[in-house]
Amino acid sequence: MTLSLPSLRPIHLVFALVLAAFAAVLIAQIEGERGVAPIASNGDFEVRDIKVDVYGPNADAARSTGWRLAQRRGWSALWQRTHGGAGASLPDSALDGLVSGIEVQQEQIGPNRYIATLAVMFDRARAGQALGVSGHVMHSPPLLLIPVLWDGGTATTFEHVTEWQKAWAMFRTAESAIDYVRTTGDGADPMLLNAGQINRRGRNWWRVLLDLYGAADVVMPIARLERTWPGGPVTGHFSARYGPDNQYIGSFTLRAARSADIPRMMTDAVTRIDALYTQALNSGRLRPDPSLVIEEPVNAVELTNVAELDSLLAALPSENGGVGAAYSIQVDTPSAASVGEIEALVRSVPGVRAAATTSLALGGTSVMQVTFTGPVDQLRAGLEARGFAVTGSGATIRIARRVAAPATPAGGSGQ
């Protein structure tokens, strides 16, 4: 007996519907929006979150007045950031020549009123001359960035757009000492750079990934959100980790009053995590894992640790006509003026042939490269004679201004 075609149609129909549903899921996974392309960061100074609320005869005039006011407030904030105090104001014509752009973070435009939150970018070359800030900033090797977000018990990197990945994509890296390698999140990124990858220790696969993205090592900023109720307060736990061994650098906690404030919280968290990575770079903790590099054997002295390298640098020939040894000196620089003062004091030490700030961190710890023709003990003694407290060993030295002891009142018993 031969089966008729109509008796098979329901089965074919069910099978076709299953295939169509399966294909729809695959297409949604492949074509869905996965990531945000990182913005192109230039070398401009940036001042964000400038709030203005002004009136004008019409909407255009109110907006122009608001932007003028934002330029003045941005310049005042930039001066305070670099010098630690209120500076002289500049006329609008001068500010027009220093400002390279204005970014609208949020704005409301009325018939004669303008309310906005703006970010003002100042050209680094021109504004740097007006601020009196100069010097070269030492950058880290290129580090692959894998931002991991834990939300609702699920870990996400580039599987779909998240506020954490978006905050890193919008972060302006020009003023950072870290050379981040940021990906767009499309193509094979979700499969290669998933949350499970950060817990893998195999060096061979890490070498393949880092070579593919042109990086020397990897950093993994991790965010974990705890929601009180839908739309309500959100607590964010953030940690900075790096390297194929997922090593810990630091962590902190932020809180948003409502879910709508999560983007702002993420932006603040990115800035703070970048500061953690910068501190780790300056202290020597953030350095590429040597196991990620395969080098050909060479006929040279094998060094087993950094201390051995420091001792060899300190033992270089120290004759007055010699080239001298290179030393890395870490020092606190609270203002732009202190940078020049400290450089002048270091150059005045006998035997110092060169001293230049290679990593400038106003309000933090800067790094100065010094060439000295003499033993390290002589350099330490010369720095102490100029009022510095000296710590550290080998080719890495930490100096700090001595705090004068309070004077004892005349005739006091000291009890």
Protein backbone atom coordinates (compact mmCIF):
# COMPACT_ATOMS: atom_id res chain seq x y z
CA MET A 1 0.00 0.00 0.00
CA THR A 2 1.37 3.37 -0.99
CA LEU A 3 1.05 6.31 1.39
CA SER A 4 -0.53 9.37 -0.08
CA LEU A 5 1.19 12.75 -0.03
CA PRO A 6 -1.49 14.51 2.06
CA SER A 7 -0.89 12.06 4.95
CA LEU A 8 2.76 13.25 5.24
CA ARG A 9 2.09 16.98 5.09
CA PRO A 10 1.47 17.54 8.81
CA ILE A 11 4.80 15.89 9.67
CA HIS A 12 6.60 17.98 7.06
CA LEU A 13 4.93 21.09 8.40
CA VAL A 14 6.07 20.44 11.98
CA PHE A 15 9.60 19.67 10.82
CA ALA A 16 9.71 22.85 8.76
CA LEU A 17 8.49 24.93 11.70
CA VAL A 18 11.21 23.48 13.97
CA LEU A 19 13.89 24.25 11.39
CA ALA A 20 12.59 27.79 10.94
CA ALA A 21 12.61 28.44 14.68
CA PHE A 22 16.13 27.03 15.02
CA ALA A 23 17.34 29.17 12.11
CA ALA A 24 15.75 32.26 13.64
CA VAL A 25 17.64 31.67 16.90
CA LEU A 26 20.93 31.27 15.03
CA ILE A 27 20.36 34.44 13.00
CA ALA A 28 19.49 36.37 16.15
CA GLN A 29 22.71 35.20 17.80
CA ILE A 30 24.84 36.10 14.80
CA GLU A 31 23.27 39.39 13.74
CA GLY A 32 22.40 40.83 17.15
CA GLU A 33 24.08 44.01 18.38
CA ARG A 34 27.05 42.81 20.39
CA GLY A 35 29.34 45.68 21.25
CA VAL A 36 30.11 49.37 21.08
CA ALA A 37 33.02 50.60 18.99
CA PRO A 38 35.52 52.50 21.20
CA ILE A 39 35.82 56.21 20.58
CA ALA A 40 39.02 57.58 19.08
CA SER A 41 40.87 59.18 21.99
CA ASN A 42 43.17 62.08 21.18
CA GLY A 43 45.58 63.90 23.45
CA ASP A 44 43.21 66.66 24.57
CA PHE A 45 42.51 67.57 28.18
CA GLU A 46 38.90 66.77 29.06
CA VAL A 47 36.63 68.14 31.78
CA ARG A 48 33.31 66.32 32.12
CA ASP A 49 30.01 66.82 33.97
CA ILE A 50 29.86 70.62 33.66
CA LYS A 51 26.29 71.69 34.49
CA VAL A 52 24.81 74.91 33.07
CA ASP A 53 21.36 76.49 33.44
CA VAL A 54 21.05 79.79 31.56
CA TYR A 55 18.46 82.02 29.90
CA GLY A 56 18.52 83.97 26.63
CA PRO A 57 16.28 85.93 24.26
CA ASN A 58 15.85 82.73 22.20
CA ALA A 59 16.91 79.09 22.20
CA ASP A 60 20.06 79.60 20.10
CA ALA A 61 21.26 82.51 22.23
CA ALA A 62 20.64 80.55 25.45
CA ARG A 63 22.60 77.60 24.10
CA SER A 64 25.52 79.81 23.02
CA THR A 65 25.57 81.42 26.47
CA GLY A 66 25.56 77.99 28.11
CA TRP A 67 28.51 76.80 26.04
CA ARG A 68 30.47 79.97 26.87
CA LEU A 69 29.80 79.40 30.56
CA ALA A 70 30.84 75.75 30.25
CA GLN A 71 34.18 76.81 28.71
CA ARG A 72 34.90 79.13 31.65
CA ARG A 73 33.94 76.53 34.25
CA GLY A 74 35.91 73.86 32.40
CA TRP A 75 39.04 76.01 32.36
CA SER A 76 38.68 76.76 36.07
CA ALA A 77 38.29 73.04 36.84
CA LEU A 78 41.29 72.15 34.64
CA TRP A 79 43.47 74.75 36.35
CA GLN A 80 42.43 73.46 39.76
CA ARG A 81 43.19 69.89 38.66
CA THR A 82 46.73 70.76 37.55
CA HIS A 83 47.66 73.45 40.08
CA GLY A 84 45.45 72.70 43.07
CA GLY A 85 43.91 76.16 43.38
CA ALA A 86 41.90 78.87 41.66
CA GLY A 87 43.69 80.41 38.69
CA ALA A 88 43.39 83.56 36.65
CA SER A 89 40.35 83.62 34.36
CA LEU A 90 40.81 83.96 30.60
CA PRO A 91 38.65 85.98 28.21
CA ASP A 92 36.22 84.14 25.96
CA SER A 93 38.33 84.96 22.89
CA ALA A 94 41.33 83.18 24.44
CA LEU A 95 39.24 80.20 25.54
CA ASP A 96 37.89 79.85 21.98
CA GLY A 97 41.46 79.19 20.85
CA LEU A 98 42.09 76.61 23.58
CA VAL A 99 38.85 74.61 23.31
CA SER A 100 38.94 71.84 20.70
CA GLY A 101 35.40 70.57 21.19
CA ILE A 102 32.31 70.38 23.39
CA GLU A 103 30.46 67.11 24.01
CA VAL A 104 26.79 67.21 24.99
CA GLN A 105 26.19 64.65 27.72
CA GLN A 106 22.62 65.75 28.33
CA GLU A 107 20.62 68.83 27.38
CA GLN A 108 17.15 70.35 27.53
CA ILE A 109 16.35 73.25 25.22
CA GLY A 110 13.42 75.60 25.79
CA PRO A 111 12.22 78.75 24.02
CA ASN A 112 14.57 80.94 26.09
CA ARG A 113 16.29 78.52 28.50
CA TYR A 114 19.13 76.01 28.17
CA ILE A 115 19.86 73.27 30.75
CA ALA A 116 22.68 70.87 29.98
CA THR A 117 25.53 68.70 31.23
CA LEU A 118 28.56 69.20 29.00
CA ALA A 119 32.14 67.97 28.56
CA VAL A 120 34.75 70.45 27.31
CA MET A 121 37.94 69.32 25.50
CA PHE A 122 41.01 71.58 25.56
CA ASP A 123 43.80 71.24 23.01
CA ARG A 124 46.76 69.73 24.85
CA ALA A 125 49.48 71.73 23.07
CA ARG A 126 47.88 75.16 23.44
CA ALA A 127 46.28 74.58 26.83
CA GLY A 128 49.47 72.96 28.14
CA GLN A 129 51.42 76.16 27.43
CA ALA A 130 48.81 78.25 29.23
CA LEU A 131 48.82 75.85 32.18
CA GLY A 132 52.59 75.55 32.31
CA VAL A 133 52.37 71.75 32.15
CA SER A 134 54.88 69.82 30.08
CA GLY A 135 56.65 66.48 30.10
CA HIS A 136 56.32 63.06 28.55
CA VAL A 137 54.06 60.43 30.02
CA MET A 138 55.31 56.86 30.12
CA HIS A 139 52.72 54.38 28.86
CA SER A 140 52.31 50.72 29.62
CA PRO A 141 52.72 48.04 26.96
CA PRO A 142 49.51 47.38 24.97
CA LEU A 143 47.10 45.52 27.27
CA LEU A 144 44.05 43.65 25.95
CA LEU A 145 40.87 44.80 27.75
CA ILE A 146 38.19 42.22 28.65
CA PRO A 147 35.39 43.93 30.65
CA VAL A 148 33.31 41.36 32.55
CA LEU A 149 29.86 42.20 33.94
CA TRP A 150 28.02 39.99 36.43
CA ASP A 151 24.32 40.87 36.48
CA GLY A 152 21.51 38.57 37.54
CA GLY A 153 23.91 35.68 38.05
CA THR A 154 25.15 35.81 34.44
CA ALA A 155 28.61 36.86 33.30
CA THR A 156 28.77 38.89 30.07
CA THR A 157 31.58 40.40 28.03
CA PHE A 158 30.66 41.02 24.37
CA GLU A 159 27.65 38.72 23.94
CA HIS A 160 25.42 41.80 23.86
CA VAL A 161 25.71 45.51 24.63
CA THR A 162 26.14 46.24 28.36
CA GLU A 163 26.62 49.50 30.24
CA TRP A 164 29.99 48.22 31.49
CA GLN A 165 31.35 47.55 28.01
CA LYS A 166 29.83 50.83 26.77
CA ALA A 167 31.53 52.80 29.58
CA TRP A 168 34.93 51.38 28.59
CA ALA A 169 34.25 52.08 24.92
CA MET A 170 33.43 55.74 25.73
CA PHE A 171 36.42 56.18 28.06
CA ARG A 172 38.96 58.66 26.70
CA THR A 173 42.33 57.00 27.11
CA ALA A 174 44.50 59.96 26.07
CA GLU A 175 45.29 61.00 29.66
CA SER A 176 45.74 57.43 30.90
CA ALA A 177 49.13 55.80 31.35
CA ILE A 178 47.61 52.46 30.31
CA ASP A 179 47.64 51.54 26.62
CA TYR A 180 44.31 49.70 26.40
CA VAL A 181 43.58 47.48 23.40
CA ARG A 182 39.78 47.84 23.11
CA THR A 183 37.75 45.68 20.76
CA THR A 184 34.40 46.44 19.14
CA GLY A 185 32.82 43.18 20.30
CA ASP A 186 31.79 41.99 16.84
CA GLY A 187 32.98 39.03 14.78
CA ALA A 188 34.66 36.35 16.87
CA ASP A 189 35.15 38.58 19.94
CA PRO A 190 32.23 37.08 21.96
CA MET A 191 33.60 33.57 21.49
CA LEU A 192 37.29 34.36 22.04
CA LEU A 193 36.97 36.95 24.81
CA ASN A 194 34.21 35.45 26.95
CA ALA A 195 34.01 35.41 30.74
CA GLY A 196 35.35 31.85 30.89
CA GLN A 197 38.61 32.90 29.20
CA ILE A 198 39.79 34.95 32.19
CA ASN A 199 39.95 31.78 34.33
CA ARG A 200 42.05 29.80 31.85
CA ARG A 201 45.74 29.52 32.68
CA GLY A 202 47.10 27.86 29.53
CA ARG A 203 49.82 30.11 28.14
CA ASN A 204 49.67 28.73 24.59
CA TRP A 205 46.09 29.89 24.01
CA TRP A 206 46.78 33.23 25.68
CA ARG A 207 49.74 33.76 23.34
CA VAL A 208 47.47 33.13 20.35
CA LEU A 209 44.87 35.63 21.61
CA LEU A 210 47.34 38.36 22.49
CA ASP A 211 49.12 37.99 19.16
CA LEU A 212 45.75 38.17 17.37
CA TYR A 213 44.81 41.46 19.07
CA GLY A 214 48.33 42.93 19.13
CA ALA A 215 48.70 43.03 22.92
CA ALA A 216 51.46 42.12 25.37
CA ASP A 217 49.22 41.14 28.29
CA VAL A 218 45.61 41.35 29.45
CA VAL A 219 43.58 43.34 32.00
CA MET A 220 40.15 42.25 33.24
CA PRO A 221 38.04 44.91 35.00
CA ILE A 222 35.11 43.11 36.63
CA ALA A 223 31.77 44.61 37.67
CA ARG A 224 29.08 42.83 39.71
CA LEU A 225 25.65 44.43 40.16
CA GLU A 226 23.27 43.78 43.05
CA ARG A 227 19.74 45.12 42.47
CA THR A 228 17.45 45.82 45.42
CA TRP A 229 14.29 45.72 43.31
CA PRO A 230 13.49 46.43 39.64
CA GLY A 231 14.26 50.08 38.97
CA GLY A 232 15.44 50.63 42.54
CA PRO A 233 18.87 51.10 44.17
CA VAL A 234 21.81 49.23 42.65
CA THR A 235 25.08 48.36 44.37
CA GLY A 236 28.10 47.85 42.12
CA HIS A 237 31.15 45.88 43.23
CA PHE A 238 34.17 46.56 41.02
CA SER A 239 37.61 44.95 40.93
CA ALA A 240 40.72 45.38 38.80
CA ARG A 241 42.52 42.19 37.73
CA TYR A 242 45.24 41.47 35.20
CA GLY A 243 47.33 38.76 33.59
CA PRO A 244 46.63 35.17 32.56
CA ASP A 245 46.68 34.19 36.25
CA ASN A 246 43.82 36.62 37.01
CA GLN A 247 45.84 38.50 39.62
CA TYR A 248 44.10 40.96 41.94
CA ILE A 249 45.04 44.66 42.04
CA GLY A 250 42.24 46.42 43.93
CA SER A 251 38.50 46.81 44.39
CA PHE A 252 35.82 49.25 45.55
CA THR A 253 32.03 49.59 45.80
CA LEU A 254 29.70 52.23 44.35
CA ARG A 255 25.97 52.73 44.72
CA ALA A 256 23.30 54.11 42.38
CA ALA A 257 20.01 55.38 43.80
CA ARG A 258 18.06 53.91 40.86
CA SER A 259 18.62 51.78 37.80
CA ALA A 260 18.59 54.84 35.54
CA ASP A 261 21.81 56.02 37.25
CA ILE A 262 23.77 52.87 36.32
CA PRO A 263 25.48 54.48 33.27
CA ARG A 264 26.83 57.29 35.46
CA MET A 265 28.02 54.77 38.07
CA MET A 266 29.78 52.74 35.36
CA THR A 267 31.54 55.85 34.04
CA ASP A 268 32.82 56.71 37.52
CA ALA A 269 33.93 53.11 38.05
CA VAL A 270 35.97 53.08 34.82
CA THR A 271 37.85 56.19 35.95
CA ARG A 272 38.62 54.65 39.35
CA ILE A 273 39.73 51.32 37.90
CA ASP A 274 42.01 53.13 35.45
CA ALA A 275 43.56 54.89 38.46
CA LEU A 276 44.15 51.48 40.11
CA TYR A 277 45.89 50.20 36.99
CA THR A 278 48.00 53.38 36.78
CA GLN A 279 49.09 53.06 40.41
CA ALA A 280 50.00 49.42 39.80
CA LEU A 281 52.05 50.46 36.75
CA ASN A 282 53.95 53.12 38.68
CA SER A 283 54.66 50.72 41.56
CA GLY A 284 55.92 48.00 39.21
CA ARG A 285 53.10 45.51 39.86
CA LEU A 286 51.54 45.85 36.42
CA ARG A 287 54.17 44.37 34.13
CA PRO A 288 53.81 41.85 31.27
CA ASP A 289 53.98 38.21 32.26
CA PRO A 290 57.33 36.89 30.96
CA SER A 291 55.79 33.46 30.37
CA LEU A 292 53.72 34.98 27.55
CA VAL A 293 56.84 35.79 25.53
CA ILE A 294 58.86 33.12 23.70
CA GLU A 295 62.38 34.34 23.05
CA GLU A 296 65.24 32.68 21.24
CA PRO A 297 68.14 31.73 23.53
CA VAL A 298 71.00 34.21 23.44
CA ASN A 299 74.55 34.10 24.76
CA ALA A 300 74.06 36.45 27.68
CA VAL A 301 73.99 36.45 31.46
CA GLU A 302 70.70 34.94 32.67
CA LEU A 303 68.90 37.08 35.26
CA THR A 304 66.60 35.26 37.64
CA ASN A 305 64.80 38.25 39.14
CA VAL A 306 64.47 42.01 39.04
CA ALA A 307 66.65 42.53 42.11
CA GLU A 308 69.54 40.91 40.29
CA LEU A 309 69.03 43.30 37.38
CA ASP A 310 68.96 46.28 39.76
CA SER A 311 72.22 45.22 41.38
CA LEU A 312 73.90 44.93 37.97
CA LEU A 313 72.69 48.41 36.98
CA ALA A 314 73.98 49.86 40.23
CA ALA A 315 77.39 48.22 39.62
CA LEU A 316 77.98 49.86 36.24
CA PRO A 317 81.27 51.81 35.83
CA SER A 318 81.07 55.03 37.81
CA GLU A 319 84.05 57.08 36.59
CA ASN A 320 83.36 60.77 36.07
CA GLY A 321 83.86 60.39 32.34
CA GLY A 322 81.55 57.38 32.12
CA VAL A 323 78.07 57.35 30.77
CA GLY A 324 76.50 56.66 34.18
CA ALA A 325 73.78 54.34 35.42
CA ALA A 326 70.05 54.84 34.92
CA TYR A 327 67.82 55.14 37.98
CA SER A 328 64.05 55.37 38.29
CA ILE A 329 63.00 57.82 41.01
CA GLN A 330 59.40 57.95 42.22
CA VAL A 331 58.22 61.19 43.81
CA ASP A 332 54.91 62.82 44.80
CA THR A 333 54.05 65.80 42.58
CA PRO A 334 51.06 67.69 44.03
CA SER A 335 51.23 70.50 41.44
CA ALA A 336 52.84 71.48 38.16
CA ALA A 337 55.22 73.86 39.95
CA SER A 338 56.52 71.06 42.18
CA VAL A 339 57.66 69.08 39.11
CA GLY A 340 60.15 71.74 38.04
CA GLU A 341 61.34 72.32 41.61
CA ILE A 342 62.05 68.63 42.22
CA GLU A 343 63.80 68.22 38.86
CA ALA A 344 66.03 71.22 39.67
CA LEU A 345 66.94 69.79 43.10
CA VAL A 346 67.78 66.38 41.64
CA ARG A 347 69.91 67.93 38.87
CA SER A 348 71.88 69.85 41.51
CA VAL A 349 73.16 66.59 43.05
CA PRO A 350 76.85 66.15 42.06
CA GLY A 351 77.19 63.33 39.53
CA VAL A 352 73.68 63.68 38.03
CA ARG A 353 74.10 63.97 34.25
CA ALA A 354 70.38 64.04 33.33
CA ALA A 355 67.00 64.10 35.09
CA ALA A 356 63.66 64.14 33.29
CA THR A 357 60.10 63.31 34.29
CA THR A 358 58.92 60.45 32.06
CA SER A 359 55.60 59.69 33.81
CA LEU A 360 53.75 62.78 34.99
CA ALA A 361 50.91 62.36 37.52
CA LEU A 362 49.85 65.69 38.99
CA GLY A 363 48.35 65.07 42.39
CA GLY A 364 49.89 61.57 42.47
CA THR A 365 53.23 59.79 42.05
CA SER A 366 55.41 60.76 39.08
CA VAL A 367 58.42 58.84 37.80
CA MET A 368 61.74 60.55 36.98
CA GLN A 369 64.55 58.91 34.99
CA VAL A 370 67.97 59.96 36.30
CA THR A 371 71.43 59.25 34.86
CA PHE A 372 74.06 59.28 37.62
CA THR A 373 77.83 58.71 37.40
CA GLY A 374 78.63 57.27 40.79
CA PRO A 375 77.63 54.60 43.28
CA VAL A 376 74.00 54.48 44.36
CA ASP A 377 74.92 55.31 47.97
CA GLN A 378 76.39 58.59 46.75
CA LEU A 379 73.14 59.40 44.91
CA ARG A 380 71.10 58.60 48.01
CA ALA A 381 73.33 60.81 50.17
CA GLY A 382 73.05 63.69 47.71
CA LEU A 383 69.24 63.45 47.69
CA GLU A 384 69.09 63.31 51.49
CA ALA A 385 71.31 66.41 51.67
CA ARG A 386 68.68 68.27 49.64
CA GLY A 387 65.87 67.52 52.06
CA PHE A 388 64.48 64.25 50.71
CA ALA A 389 63.68 61.09 52.62
CA VAL A 390 65.04 58.25 50.45
CA THR A 391 63.77 54.65 50.38
CA GLY A 392 64.03 51.76 47.95
CA SER A 393 67.00 49.85 46.64
CA GLY A 394 68.88 49.14 43.43
CA ALA A 395 67.82 51.15 40.39
CA THR A 396 64.39 52.07 41.81
CA ILE A 397 64.33 54.83 44.43
CA ARG A 398 61.42 56.54 46.20
CA ILE A 399 61.92 60.07 47.51
CA ALA A 400 59.64 62.32 49.57
CA ARG A 401 59.96 65.76 51.09
CA ARG A 402 60.89 65.66 54.76
CA VAL A 403 58.33 67.14 57.15
CA ALA A 404 59.97 69.47 59.62
CA ALA A 405 59.45 68.55 63.26
CA PRO A 406 57.35 71.05 65.24
CA ALA A 407 59.40 73.44 67.32
CA THR A 408 59.33 72.96 71.11
CA PRO A 409 57.90 76.05 72.91
CA ALA A 410 60.50 78.02 74.80
CA GLY A 411 60.64 77.09 78.45
CA GLY A 412 58.38 74.10 77.94
CA SER A 413 58.91 71.04 80.07
CA GLY A 414 57.85 68.63 77.33
CA GLN A 415 55.32 67.00 79.64
